[in-house]
Protein backbone atom coordinates (compact mmCIF):
# COMPACT_ATOMS: atom_id res chain seq x y z
CA UNK A 1 15.97 -25.17 77.97
CA UNK A 2 18.83 -23.03 76.66
CA UNK A 3 22.12 -24.51 75.49
CA UNK A 4 25.02 -22.07 75.27
CA UNK A 5 28.48 -22.61 73.82
CA UNK A 6 31.15 -21.43 76.24
CA UNK A 7 34.60 -20.21 75.16
CA UNK A 8 36.17 -23.23 76.88
CA UNK A 9 34.46 -25.48 74.31
CA UNK A 10 31.80 -26.74 76.71
CA UNK A 11 28.04 -26.35 76.57
CA UNK A 12 25.90 -24.99 79.37
CA UNK A 13 22.32 -26.16 79.68
CA UNK A 14 19.82 -24.01 81.58
CA UNK A 15 16.16 -24.59 82.17
CA UNK A 16 14.17 -21.38 82.18
CA UNK A 17 10.60 -22.56 81.78
CA UNK A 18 10.22 -21.80 78.06
CA UNK A 19 7.29 -23.29 76.20
CA UNK A 20 7.92 -26.34 74.00
CA UNK A 21 7.83 -24.27 70.77
CA UNK A 22 10.45 -21.87 72.12
CA UNK A 23 12.60 -24.79 73.26
CA UNK A 24 12.52 -26.34 69.79
CA UNK A 25 13.47 -23.00 68.22
CA UNK A 26 16.39 -22.75 70.62
CA UNK A 27 17.50 -26.29 69.85
CA UNK A 28 17.36 -25.48 66.13
CA UNK A 29 19.46 -22.36 66.77
CA UNK A 30 22.04 -24.35 68.78
CA UNK A 31 22.21 -27.08 66.14
CA UNK A 32 22.75 -24.47 63.43
CA UNK A 33 25.48 -22.76 65.48
CA UNK A 34 27.20 -26.12 66.09
CA UNK A 35 26.91 -26.96 62.39
CA UNK A 36 28.40 -23.61 61.35
CA UNK A 37 31.26 -23.98 63.83
CA UNK A 38 31.99 -27.54 62.68
CA UNK A 39 32.02 -26.46 59.03
CA UNK A 40 34.42 -23.60 59.84
CA UNK A 41 36.72 -25.91 61.81
CA UNK A 42 36.76 -28.45 58.97
CA UNK A 43 37.71 -25.71 56.51
CA UNK A 44 40.48 -24.57 58.83
CA UNK A 45 41.71 -28.15 59.16
CA UNK A 46 41.76 -28.51 55.38
CA UNK A 47 43.76 -25.31 55.03
CA UNK A 48 46.22 -26.38 57.72
CA UNK A 49 46.68 -29.86 56.23
CA UNK A 50 47.21 -28.35 52.80
CA UNK A 51 49.77 -25.91 54.18
CA UNK A 52 51.59 -28.74 55.96
CA UNK A 53 51.68 -30.65 52.67
CA UNK A 54 52.97 -27.63 50.77
CA UNK A 55 55.74 -27.03 53.33
CA UNK A 56 56.66 -30.74 53.22
CA UNK A 57 56.80 -30.59 49.41
CA UNK A 58 59.06 -27.53 49.61
CA UNK A 59 61.39 -29.19 52.11
CA UNK A 60 61.46 -32.40 50.05
CA UNK A 61 62.38 -30.33 46.99
CA UNK A 62 65.19 -28.66 48.93
CA UNK A 63 66.42 -32.10 50.01
CA UNK A 64 66.43 -33.19 46.36
CA UNK A 65 68.41 -30.09 45.36
CA UNK A 66 70.91 -29.86 48.21
CA UNK A 67 70.95 -33.38 49.63
CA UNK A 68 69.20 -34.85 52.62
CA UNK A 69 72.21 -34.20 54.86
CA UNK A 70 71.41 -30.47 54.66
CA UNK A 71 68.13 -31.04 56.51
CA UNK A 72 69.06 -32.98 59.60
CA UNK A 73 67.50 -36.12 61.02
CA UNK A 74 64.57 -34.46 62.81
CA UNK A 75 63.40 -32.67 59.68
CA UNK A 76 63.87 -35.76 57.52
CA UNK A 77 61.63 -37.69 59.90
CA UNK A 78 58.99 -34.94 59.78
CA UNK A 79 58.83 -35.16 55.99
CA UNK A 80 58.76 -38.98 56.08
CA UNK A 81 62.19 -39.42 54.50
CA UNK A 82 64.03 -40.92 57.47
CA UNK A 83 63.28 -44.44 58.57
CA UNK A 84 62.24 -44.33 62.22
CA UNK A 85 62.43 -48.03 62.97
CA UNK A 86 58.81 -48.76 62.13
CA UNK A 87 56.84 -49.13 58.94
CA UNK A 88 55.36 -45.78 57.93
CA UNK A 89 51.58 -45.52 58.05
CA UNK A 90 49.53 -46.46 55.05
CA UNK A 91 47.83 -43.06 54.86
CA UNK A 92 51.19 -41.29 55.16
CA UNK A 93 52.59 -43.42 52.35
CA UNK A 94 49.63 -42.67 50.06
CA UNK A 95 49.90 -38.99 50.92
CA UNK A 96 53.62 -39.01 50.10
CA UNK A 97 53.01 -40.68 46.71
CA UNK A 98 50.42 -38.04 45.73
CA UNK A 99 52.67 -35.21 46.89
CA UNK A 100 55.78 -36.47 45.13
CA UNK A 101 54.19 -37.48 41.81
CA UNK A 102 52.63 -34.01 41.32
CA UNK A 103 50.09 -35.22 38.78
CA UNK A 104 46.71 -36.95 39.01
CA UNK A 105 47.04 -40.67 39.75
CA UNK A 106 44.62 -43.57 39.66
CA UNK A 107 44.42 -45.97 42.59
CA UNK A 108 46.32 -48.63 40.58
CA UNK A 109 49.13 -46.14 39.91
CA UNK A 110 49.32 -45.31 43.62
CA UNK A 111 49.46 -49.06 44.39
CA UNK A 112 52.26 -49.53 41.84
CA UNK A 113 54.24 -46.65 43.33
CA UNK A 114 53.72 -48.00 46.85
CA UNK A 115 54.89 -51.41 45.63
CA UNK A 116 58.04 -49.76 44.27
CA UNK A 117 58.72 -47.59 47.33
CA UNK A 118 57.51 -49.74 50.23
CA UNK A 119 56.23 -53.20 49.29
CA UNK A 120 55.81 -54.23 52.94
CA UNK A 121 53.05 -51.64 53.34
CA UNK A 122 50.90 -53.27 50.65
CA UNK A 123 51.65 -56.77 51.90
CA UNK A 124 49.77 -56.02 55.12
CA UNK A 125 46.51 -55.37 53.21
CA UNK A 126 44.15 -58.08 51.96
CA UNK A 127 42.91 -55.88 49.10
CA UNK A 128 45.51 -53.15 48.51
CA UNK A 129 43.51 -51.47 45.73
CA UNK A 130 40.46 -51.09 47.97
CA UNK A 131 42.64 -49.84 50.82
CA UNK A 132 44.34 -47.25 48.60
CA UNK A 133 40.98 -46.09 47.23
CA UNK A 134 39.64 -45.67 50.76
CA UNK A 135 42.66 -43.64 51.84
CA UNK A 136 42.55 -41.46 48.72
CA UNK A 137 38.87 -40.70 49.36
CA UNK A 138 39.71 -39.80 52.96
CA UNK A 139 42.41 -37.41 51.74
CA UNK A 140 39.70 -35.75 49.64
CA UNK A 141 37.48 -35.53 52.73
CA UNK A 142 40.37 -33.93 54.64
CA UNK A 143 40.84 -31.37 51.86
CA UNK A 144 44.35 -32.61 51.08
CA UNK A 145 43.55 -34.10 47.67
CA UNK A 146 40.86 -33.82 45.05
CA UNK A 147 39.17 -36.44 42.94
CA UNK A 148 38.80 -35.97 39.19
CA UNK A 149 37.90 -37.97 36.11
CA UNK A 150 40.69 -38.47 33.59
CA UNK A 151 40.23 -38.39 29.80
CA UNK A 152 39.06 -42.04 29.85
CA UNK A 153 36.46 -41.34 32.53
CA UNK A 154 38.49 -43.08 35.24
CA UNK A 155 38.76 -41.63 38.70
CA UNK A 156 42.12 -40.10 39.60
CA UNK A 157 43.34 -38.13 42.60
CA UNK A 158 45.78 -35.25 42.87
CA UNK A 159 47.41 -33.43 45.73
CA UNK A 160 45.88 -30.02 46.45
CA UNK A 161 48.52 -27.31 46.29
CA UNK A 162 46.60 -24.06 46.74
CA UNK A 163 44.38 -22.97 49.67
CA UNK A 164 41.43 -22.30 47.35
CA UNK A 165 41.78 -25.83 45.94
CA UNK A 166 41.73 -27.31 49.45
CA UNK A 167 38.40 -25.65 50.27
CA UNK A 168 36.96 -26.62 46.88
CA UNK A 169 38.22 -30.19 47.26
CA UNK A 170 36.10 -30.76 50.33
CA UNK A 171 33.04 -30.54 48.10
CA UNK A 172 34.63 -32.12 45.03
CA UNK A 173 34.52 -35.78 46.00
CA UNK A 174 33.11 -37.91 43.21
CA UNK A 175 30.77 -40.62 44.54
CA UNK A 176 32.01 -44.19 44.07
């Protein structure tokens, strides 16, 4: 059996009468190729998400300097500054807090900032601290944030602002 990756993103399976040992070697080769491709795509995703965050930070800074009216409604909505009639997502809100604070924050600090900015978001969660911690760890997995230990040994998270940091952050998650 031979499994080939096609440019369209599909796999083609062919039977060509190979011996069992050859088939296992081919499966190992295909698994390795799939693993390598997945790793590359995850790195690309991390770089793209980081770049999106950096551009959003830049636009938010411009809005702070020149006023939100200079941006227009569409752009304000894209950077999560314009209410769109629904409660913003929990992950988006956590992401925004990390981006705007521009320093490492503990989960309790993120909760406090969410309580200040959008208390209704926290009210929907049975255990807001656990929910925030989960989201922050996901942001690390996505390469958008990194997890560190502060001077008291407590876990804190910070927004990743350089492409090299985004790639490094994917491997920098501190186990809970």
